[in-house]
Amino acid sequence: GGGQMDVMSLLLTALQQQLGVKLESRKD
């Protein structure tokens, strides 16, 4: 019941909370 998490949001959350790595979307 925590909501529908897609692969992207699951991966982004795990990376930030466990590794302290934040992904930022930008045009490069």
PDB file of all heavy atoms in Angstrom:
ATOM      1  N   GLY A   1       0.799  -1.216   0.000  1.00  0.00           N
ATOM      2  CA  GLY A   1       0.000   0.000   0.000  1.00  0.00           C
ATOM      3  C   GLY A   1       0.832   1.266   0.000  1.00  0.00           C
ATOM      4  O   GLY A   1       0.312   2.339   0.214  1.00  0.00           O
ATOM      5  N   GLY A   2       2.128   1.124  -0.204  1.00  0.00           N
ATOM      6  CA  GLY A   2       2.995   2.289  -0.209  1.00  0.00           C
ATOM      7  C   GLY A   2       2.959   3.037  -1.523  1.00  0.00           C
ATOM      8  O   GLY A   2       3.705   3.970  -1.724  1.00  0.00           O
ATOM      9  N   GLY A   3       2.119   2.613  -2.410  1.00  0.00           N
ATOM     10  CA  GLY A   3       2.030   3.276  -3.710  1.00  0.00           C
ATOM     11  C   GLY A   3       2.768   2.497  -4.780  1.00  0.00           C
ATOM     12  O   GLY A   3       3.588   1.649  -4.497  1.00  0.00           O
ATOM     13  N   GLN A   4       2.422   2.770  -5.986  1.00  0.00           N
ATOM     14  CA  GLN A   4       3.046   2.100  -7.124  1.00  0.00           C
ATOM     15  C   GLN A   4       4.371   2.779  -7.421  1.00  0.00           C
ATOM     16  O   GLN A   4       4.403   3.917  -7.842  1.00  0.00           O
ATOM     17  CB  GLN A   4       2.108   2.164  -8.344  1.00  0.00           C
ATOM     18  CG  GLN A   4       2.627   1.432  -9.555  1.00  0.00           C
ATOM     19  CD  GLN A   4       2.648  -0.072  -9.352  1.00  0.00           C
ATOM     20  OE1 GLN A   4       1.984  -0.599  -8.483  1.00  0.00           O
ATOM     21  NE2 GLN A   4       3.412  -0.751 -10.180  1.00  0.00           N
ATOM     22  N   MET A   5       5.468   2.079  -7.179  1.00  0.00           N
ATOM     23  CA  MET A   5       6.789   2.632  -7.468  1.00  0.00           C
ATOM     24  C   MET A   5       7.319   1.982  -8.731  1.00  0.00           C
ATOM     25  O   MET A   5       7.380   0.766  -8.824  1.00  0.00           O
ATOM     26  CB  MET A   5       7.762   2.370  -6.315  1.00  0.00           C
ATOM     27  CG  MET A   5       7.416   3.098  -5.036  1.00  0.00           C
ATOM     28  SD  MET A   5       8.672   2.836  -3.774  1.00  0.00           S
ATOM     29  CE  MET A   5       9.959   3.903  -4.352  1.00  0.00           C
ATOM     30  N   ASP A   6       7.687   2.779  -9.691  1.00  0.00           N
ATOM     31  CA  ASP A   6       8.300   2.222 -10.875  1.00  0.00           C
ATOM     32  C   ASP A   6       9.783   1.997 -10.596  1.00  0.00           C
ATOM     33  O   ASP A   6      10.306   2.381  -9.551  1.00  0.00           O
ATOM     34  CB  ASP A   6       8.068   3.110 -12.088  1.00  0.00           C
ATOM     35  CG  ASP A   6       8.642   4.505 -11.923  1.00  0.00           C
ATOM     36  OD1 ASP A   6       9.311   4.770 -10.914  1.00  0.00           O
ATOM     37  OD2 ASP A   6       8.414   5.339 -12.806  1.00  0.00           O
ATOM     38  N   VAL A   7      10.456   1.360 -11.510  1.00  0.00           N
ATOM     39  CA  VAL A   7      11.866   1.024 -11.344  1.00  0.00           C
ATOM     40  C   VAL A   7      12.708   2.276 -11.142  1.00  0.00           C
ATOM     41  O   VAL A   7      13.612   2.300 -10.302  1.00  0.00           O
ATOM     42  CB  VAL A   7      12.380   0.218 -12.560  1.00  0.00           C
ATOM     43  CG1 VAL A   7      13.870  -0.007 -12.473  1.00  0.00           C
ATOM     44  CG2 VAL A   7      11.648  -1.104 -12.667  1.00  0.00           C
ATOM     45  N   MET A   8      12.404   3.330 -11.877  1.00  0.00           N
ATOM     46  CA  MET A   8      13.202   4.543 -11.783  1.00  0.00           C
ATOM     47  C   MET A   8      13.106   5.166 -10.386  1.00  0.00           C
ATOM     48  O   MET A   8      14.123   5.468  -9.779  1.00  0.00           O
ATOM     49  CB  MET A   8      12.785   5.577 -12.830  1.00  0.00           C
ATOM     50  CG  MET A   8      13.671   6.813 -12.806  1.00  0.00           C
ATOM     51  SD  MET A   8      13.201   8.105 -13.954  1.00  0.00           S
ATOM     52  CE  MET A   8      13.408   7.311 -15.509  1.00  0.00           C
ATOM     53  N   SER A   9      11.920   5.357  -9.875  1.00  0.00           N
ATOM     54  CA  SER A   9      11.788   5.990  -8.566  1.00  0.00           C
ATOM     55  C   SER A   9      12.354   5.105  -7.467  1.00  0.00           C
ATOM     56  O   SER A   9      12.947   5.601  -6.512  1.00  0.00           O
ATOM     57  CB  SER A   9      10.333   6.361  -8.283  1.00  0.00           C
ATOM     58  OG  SER A   9       9.520   5.226  -8.289  1.00  0.00           O
ATOM     59  N   LEU A  10      12.205   3.784  -7.599  1.00  0.00           N
ATOM     60  CA  LEU A  10      12.771   2.851  -6.631  1.00  0.00           C
ATOM     61  C   LEU A  10      14.292   2.961  -6.613  1.00  0.00           C
ATOM     62  O   LEU A  10      14.910   3.076  -5.557  1.00  0.00           O
ATOM     63  CB  LEU A  10      12.353   1.421  -6.991  1.00  0.00           C
ATOM     64  CG  LEU A  10      12.810   0.366  -6.020  1.00  0.00           C
ATOM     65  CD1 LEU A  10      11.601  -0.432  -5.559  1.00  0.00           C
ATOM     66  CD2 LEU A  10      13.795  -0.554  -6.692  1.00  0.00           C
ATOM     67  N   LEU A  11      14.900   2.993  -7.778  1.00  0.00           N
ATOM     68  CA  LEU A  11      16.348   3.091  -7.888  1.00  0.00           C
ATOM     69  C   LEU A  11      16.858   4.439  -7.385  1.00  0.00           C
ATOM     70  O   LEU A  11      17.843   4.514  -6.654  1.00  0.00           O
ATOM     71  CB  LEU A  11      16.776   2.872  -9.340  1.00  0.00           C
ATOM     72  CG  LEU A  11      18.268   2.809  -9.622  1.00  0.00           C
ATOM     73  CD1 LEU A  11      18.943   1.738  -8.795  1.00  0.00           C
ATOM     74  CD2 LEU A  11      18.515   2.561 -11.098  1.00  0.00           C
ATOM     75  N   LEU A  12      16.172   5.513  -7.735  1.00  0.00           N
ATOM     76  CA  LEU A  12      16.583   6.842  -7.286  1.00  0.00           C
ATOM     77  C   LEU A  12      16.518   6.965  -5.765  1.00  0.00           C
ATOM     78  O   LEU A  12      17.421   7.523  -5.137  1.00  0.00           O
ATOM     79  CB  LEU A  12      15.715   7.917  -7.938  1.00  0.00           C
ATOM     80  CG  LEU A  12      15.844   8.068  -9.450  1.00  0.00           C
ATOM     81  CD1 LEU A  12      14.852   9.090  -9.965  1.00  0.00           C
ATOM     82  CD2 LEU A  12      17.249   8.422  -9.852  1.00  0.00           C
ATOM     83  N   THR A  13      15.464   6.439  -5.172  1.00  0.00           N
ATOM     84  CA  THR A  13      15.306   6.493  -3.722  1.00  0.00           C
ATOM     85  C   THR A  13      16.377   5.669  -3.025  1.00  0.00           C
ATOM     86  O   THR A  13      16.997   6.123  -2.065  1.00  0.00           O
ATOM     87  CB  THR A  13      13.910   5.985  -3.309  1.00  0.00           C
ATOM     88  OG1 THR A  13      12.918   6.757  -3.975  1.00  0.00           O
ATOM     89  CG2 THR A  13      13.704   6.075  -1.812  1.00  0.00           C
ATOM     90  N   ALA A  14      16.622   4.458  -3.504  1.00  0.00           N
ATOM     91  CA  ALA A  14      17.632   3.591  -2.897  1.00  0.00           C
ATOM     92  C   ALA A  14      19.026   4.195  -3.022  1.00  0.00           C
ATOM     93  O   ALA A  14      19.810   4.162  -2.069  1.00  0.00           O
ATOM     94  CB  ALA A  14      17.589   2.210  -3.550  1.00  0.00           C
ATOM     95  N   LEU A  15      19.346   4.753  -4.169  1.00  0.00           N
ATOM     96  CA  LEU A  15      20.665   5.361  -4.360  1.00  0.00           C
ATOM     97  C   LEU A  15      20.884   6.519  -3.401  1.00  0.00           C
ATOM     98  O   LEU A  15      21.951   6.650  -2.791  1.00  0.00           O
ATOM     99  CB  LEU A  15      20.823   5.859  -5.797  1.00  0.00           C
ATOM    100  CG  LEU A  15      21.120   4.812  -6.854  1.00  0.00           C
ATOM    101  CD1 LEU A  15      21.005   5.416  -8.241  1.00  0.00           C
ATOM    102  CD2 LEU A  15      22.495   4.219  -6.646  1.00  0.00           C
ATOM    103  N   GLN A  16      19.882   7.356  -3.235  1.00  0.00           N
ATOM    104  CA  GLN A  16      20.038   8.529  -2.388  1.00  0.00           C
ATOM    105  C   GLN A  16      20.081   8.153  -0.907  1.00  0.00           C
ATOM    106  O   GLN A  16      20.925   8.646  -0.167  1.00  0.00           O
ATOM    107  CB  GLN A  16      18.933   9.540  -2.646  1.00  0.00           C
ATOM    108  CG  GLN A  16      19.204  10.856  -1.934  1.00  0.00           C
ATOM    109  CD  GLN A  16      18.355  11.985  -2.489  1.00  0.00           C
ATOM    110  OE1 GLN A  16      17.529  11.780  -3.362  1.00  0.00           O
ATOM    111  NE2 GLN A  16      18.569  13.170  -1.987  1.00  0.00           N
ATOM    112  N   GLN A  17      19.209   7.260  -0.469  1.00  0.00           N
ATOM    113  CA  GLN A  17      19.146   6.928   0.947  1.00  0.00           C
ATOM    114  C   GLN A  17      20.289   6.035   1.403  1.00  0.00           C
ATOM    115  O   GLN A  17      20.783   6.180   2.515  1.00  0.00           O
ATOM    116  CB  GLN A  17      17.810   6.273   1.275  1.00  0.00           C
ATOM    117  CG  GLN A  17      16.657   7.244   1.201  1.00  0.00           C
ATOM    118  CD  GLN A  17      15.332   6.613   1.576  1.00  0.00           C
ATOM    119  OE1 GLN A  17      15.241   5.401   1.780  1.00  0.00           O
ATOM    120  NE2 GLN A  17      14.294   7.424   1.668  1.00  0.00           N
ATOM    121  N   GLN A  18      20.721   5.100   0.560  1.00  0.00           N
ATOM    122  CA  GLN A  18      21.740   4.145   0.984  1.00  0.00           C
ATOM    123  C   GLN A  18      23.159   4.567   0.627  1.00  0.00           C
ATOM    124  O   GLN A  18      24.093   4.270   1.361  1.00  0.00           O
ATOM    125  CB  GLN A  18      21.453   2.771   0.388  1.00  0.00           C
ATOM    126  CG  GLN A  18      20.191   2.158   0.928  1.00  0.00           C
ATOM    127  CD  GLN A  18      19.916   0.799   0.341  1.00  0.00           C
ATOM    128  OE1 GLN A  18      20.831   0.054   0.011  1.00  0.00           O
ATOM    129  NE2 GLN A  18      18.649   0.470   0.198  1.00  0.00           N
ATOM    130  N   LEU A  19      23.329   5.221  -0.499  1.00  0.00           N
ATOM    131  CA  LEU A  19      24.675   5.581  -0.945  1.00  0.00           C
ATOM    132  C   LEU A  19      24.956   7.075  -0.870  1.00  0.00           C
ATOM    133  O   LEU A  19      26.095   7.499  -1.011  1.00  0.00           O
ATOM    134  CB  LEU A  19      24.901   5.105  -2.389  1.00  0.00           C
ATOM    135  CG  LEU A  19      24.737   3.609  -2.650  1.00  0.00           C
ATOM    136  CD1 LEU A  19      24.966   3.312  -4.116  1.00  0.00           C
ATOM    137  CD2 LEU A  19      25.687   2.804  -1.782  1.00  0.00           C
ATOM    138  N   GLY A  20      23.916   7.876  -0.679  1.00  0.00           N
ATOM    139  CA  GLY A  20      24.104   9.319  -0.664  1.00  0.00           C
ATOM    140  C   GLY A  20      24.379   9.886  -2.037  1.00  0.00           C
ATOM    141  O   GLY A  20      24.931  10.962  -2.182  1.00  0.00           O
ATOM    142  N   VAL A  21      23.969   9.154  -3.063  1.00  0.00           N
ATOM    143  CA  VAL A  21      24.173   9.577  -4.455  1.00  0.00           C
ATOM    144  C   VAL A  21      22.859  10.125  -4.977  1.00  0.00           C
ATOM    145  O   VAL A  21      21.833   9.451  -4.945  1.00  0.00           O
ATOM    146  CB  VAL A  21      24.638   8.390  -5.338  1.00  0.00           C
ATOM    147  CG1 VAL A  21      24.738   8.798  -6.781  1.00  0.00           C
ATOM    148  CG2 VAL A  21      25.969   7.860  -4.838  1.00  0.00           C
ATOM    149  N   LYS A  22      22.886  11.353  -5.456  1.00  0.00           N
ATOM    150  CA  LYS A  22      21.676  11.970  -5.989  1.00  0.00           C
ATOM    151  C   LYS A  22      21.824  12.112  -7.502  1.00  0.00           C
ATOM    152  O   LYS A  22      22.818  12.637  -8.000  1.00  0.00           O
ATOM    153  CB  LYS A  22      21.460  13.340  -5.366  1.00  0.00           C
ATOM    154  CG  LYS A  22      20.194  14.009  -5.822  1.00  0.00           C
ATOM    155  CD  LYS A  22      20.000  15.336  -5.122  1.00  0.00           C
ATOM    156  CE  LYS A  22      18.720  15.986  -5.583  1.00  0.00           C
ATOM    157  NZ  LYS A  22      18.552  17.314  -4.979  1.00  0.00           N
ATOM    158  N   LEU A  23      20.831  11.646  -8.207  1.00  0.00           N
ATOM    159  CA  LEU A  23      20.829  11.795  -9.661  1.00  0.00           C
ATOM    160  C   LEU A  23      20.048  13.045 -10.017  1.00  0.00           C
ATOM    161  O   LEU A  23      18.939  13.242  -9.542  1.00  0.00           O
ATOM    162  CB  LEU A  23      20.202  10.574 -10.339  1.00  0.00           C
ATOM    163  CG  LEU A  23      20.918   9.252 -10.127  1.00  0.00           C
ATOM    164  CD1 LEU A  23      20.174   8.157 -10.877  1.00  0.00           C
ATOM    165  CD2 LEU A  23      22.346   9.318 -10.584  1.00  0.00           C
ATOM    166  N   GLU A  24      20.649  13.870 -10.841  1.00  0.00           N
ATOM    167  CA  GLU A  24      19.992  15.090 -11.297  1.00  0.00           C
ATOM    168  C   GLU A  24      19.790  15.008 -12.796  1.00  0.00           C
ATOM    169  O   GLU A  24      20.711  14.684 -13.530  1.00  0.00           O
ATOM    170  CB  GLU A  24      20.851  16.315 -10.973  1.00  0.00           C
ATOM    171  CG  GLU A  24      21.041  16.551  -9.503  1.00  0.00           C
ATOM    172  CD  GLU A  24      21.939  17.738  -9.219  1.00  0.00           C
ATOM    173  OE1 GLU A  24      22.557  18.265 -10.166  1.00  0.00           O
ATOM    174  OE2 GLU A  24      22.017  18.129  -8.051  1.00  0.00           O
ATOM    175  N   SER A  25      18.588  15.313 -13.220  1.00  0.00           N
ATOM    176  CA  SER A  25      18.293  15.316 -14.644  1.00  0.00           C
ATOM    177  C   SER A  25      18.715  16.662 -15.229  1.00  0.00           C
ATOM    178  O   SER A  25      18.345  17.718 -14.716  1.00  0.00           O
ATOM    179  CB  SER A  25      16.795  15.099 -14.864  1.00  0.00           C
ATOM    180  OG  SER A  25      16.522  15.095 -16.241  1.00  0.00           O
ATOM    181  N   ARG A  26      19.495  16.599 -16.271  1.00  0.00           N
ATOM    182  CA  ARG A  26      19.903  17.826 -16.958  1.00  0.00           C
ATOM    183  C   ARG A  26      20.289  17.491 -18.384  1.00  0.00           C
ATOM    184  O   ARG A  26      20.608  16.351 -18.717  1.00  0.00           O
ATOM    185  CB  ARG A  26      21.042  18.517 -16.240  1.00  0.00           C
ATOM    186  CG  ARG A  26      22.310  17.695 -16.178  1.00  0.00           C
ATOM    187  CD  ARG A  26      23.383  18.483 -15.483  1.00  0.00           C
ATOM    188  NE  ARG A  26      24.457  17.582 -15.101  1.00  0.00           N
ATOM    189  CZ  ARG A  26      25.626  17.967 -14.708  1.00  0.00           C
ATOM    190  NH1 ARG A  26      25.898  19.245 -14.623  1.00  0.00           N
ATOM    191  NH2 ARG A  26      26.538  17.116 -14.362  1.00  0.00           N
ATOM    192  N   LYS A  27      20.243  18.511 -19.193  1.00  0.00           N
ATOM    193  CA  LYS A  27      20.643  18.339 -20.584  1.00  0.00           C
ATOM    194  C   LYS A  27      22.144  18.592 -20.662  1.00  0.00           C
ATOM    195  O   LYS A  27      22.633  19.609 -20.189  1.00  0.00           O
ATOM    196  CB  LYS A  27      19.892  19.284 -21.493  1.00  0.00           C
ATOM    197  CG  LYS A  27      18.429  18.951 -21.541  1.00  0.00           C
ATOM    198  CD  LYS A  27      17.719  19.762 -22.570  1.00  0.00           C
ATOM    199  CE  LYS A  27      16.254  19.365 -22.505  1.00  0.00           C
ATOM    200  NZ  LYS A  27      15.660  19.235 -23.768  1.00  0.00           N
ATOM    201  N   ASP A  28      22.836  17.649 -21.238  1.00  0.00           N
ATOM    202  CA  ASP A  28      24.279  17.749 -21.358  1.00  0.00           C
ATOM    203  C   ASP A  28      24.676  17.136 -22.690  1.00  0.00           C
ATOM    204  O   ASP A  28      23.944  16.331 -23.261  1.00  0.00           O
ATOM    205  CB  ASP A  28      24.954  17.005 -20.208  1.00  0.00           C
ATOM    206  CG  ASP A  28      26.379  17.469 -19.967  1.00  0.00           C
ATOM    207  OD1 ASP A  28      26.858  18.340 -20.717  1.00  0.00           O
ATOM    208  OD2 ASP A  28      27.009  16.961 -19.023  1.00  0.00           O
TER     209      ASP A  28
END
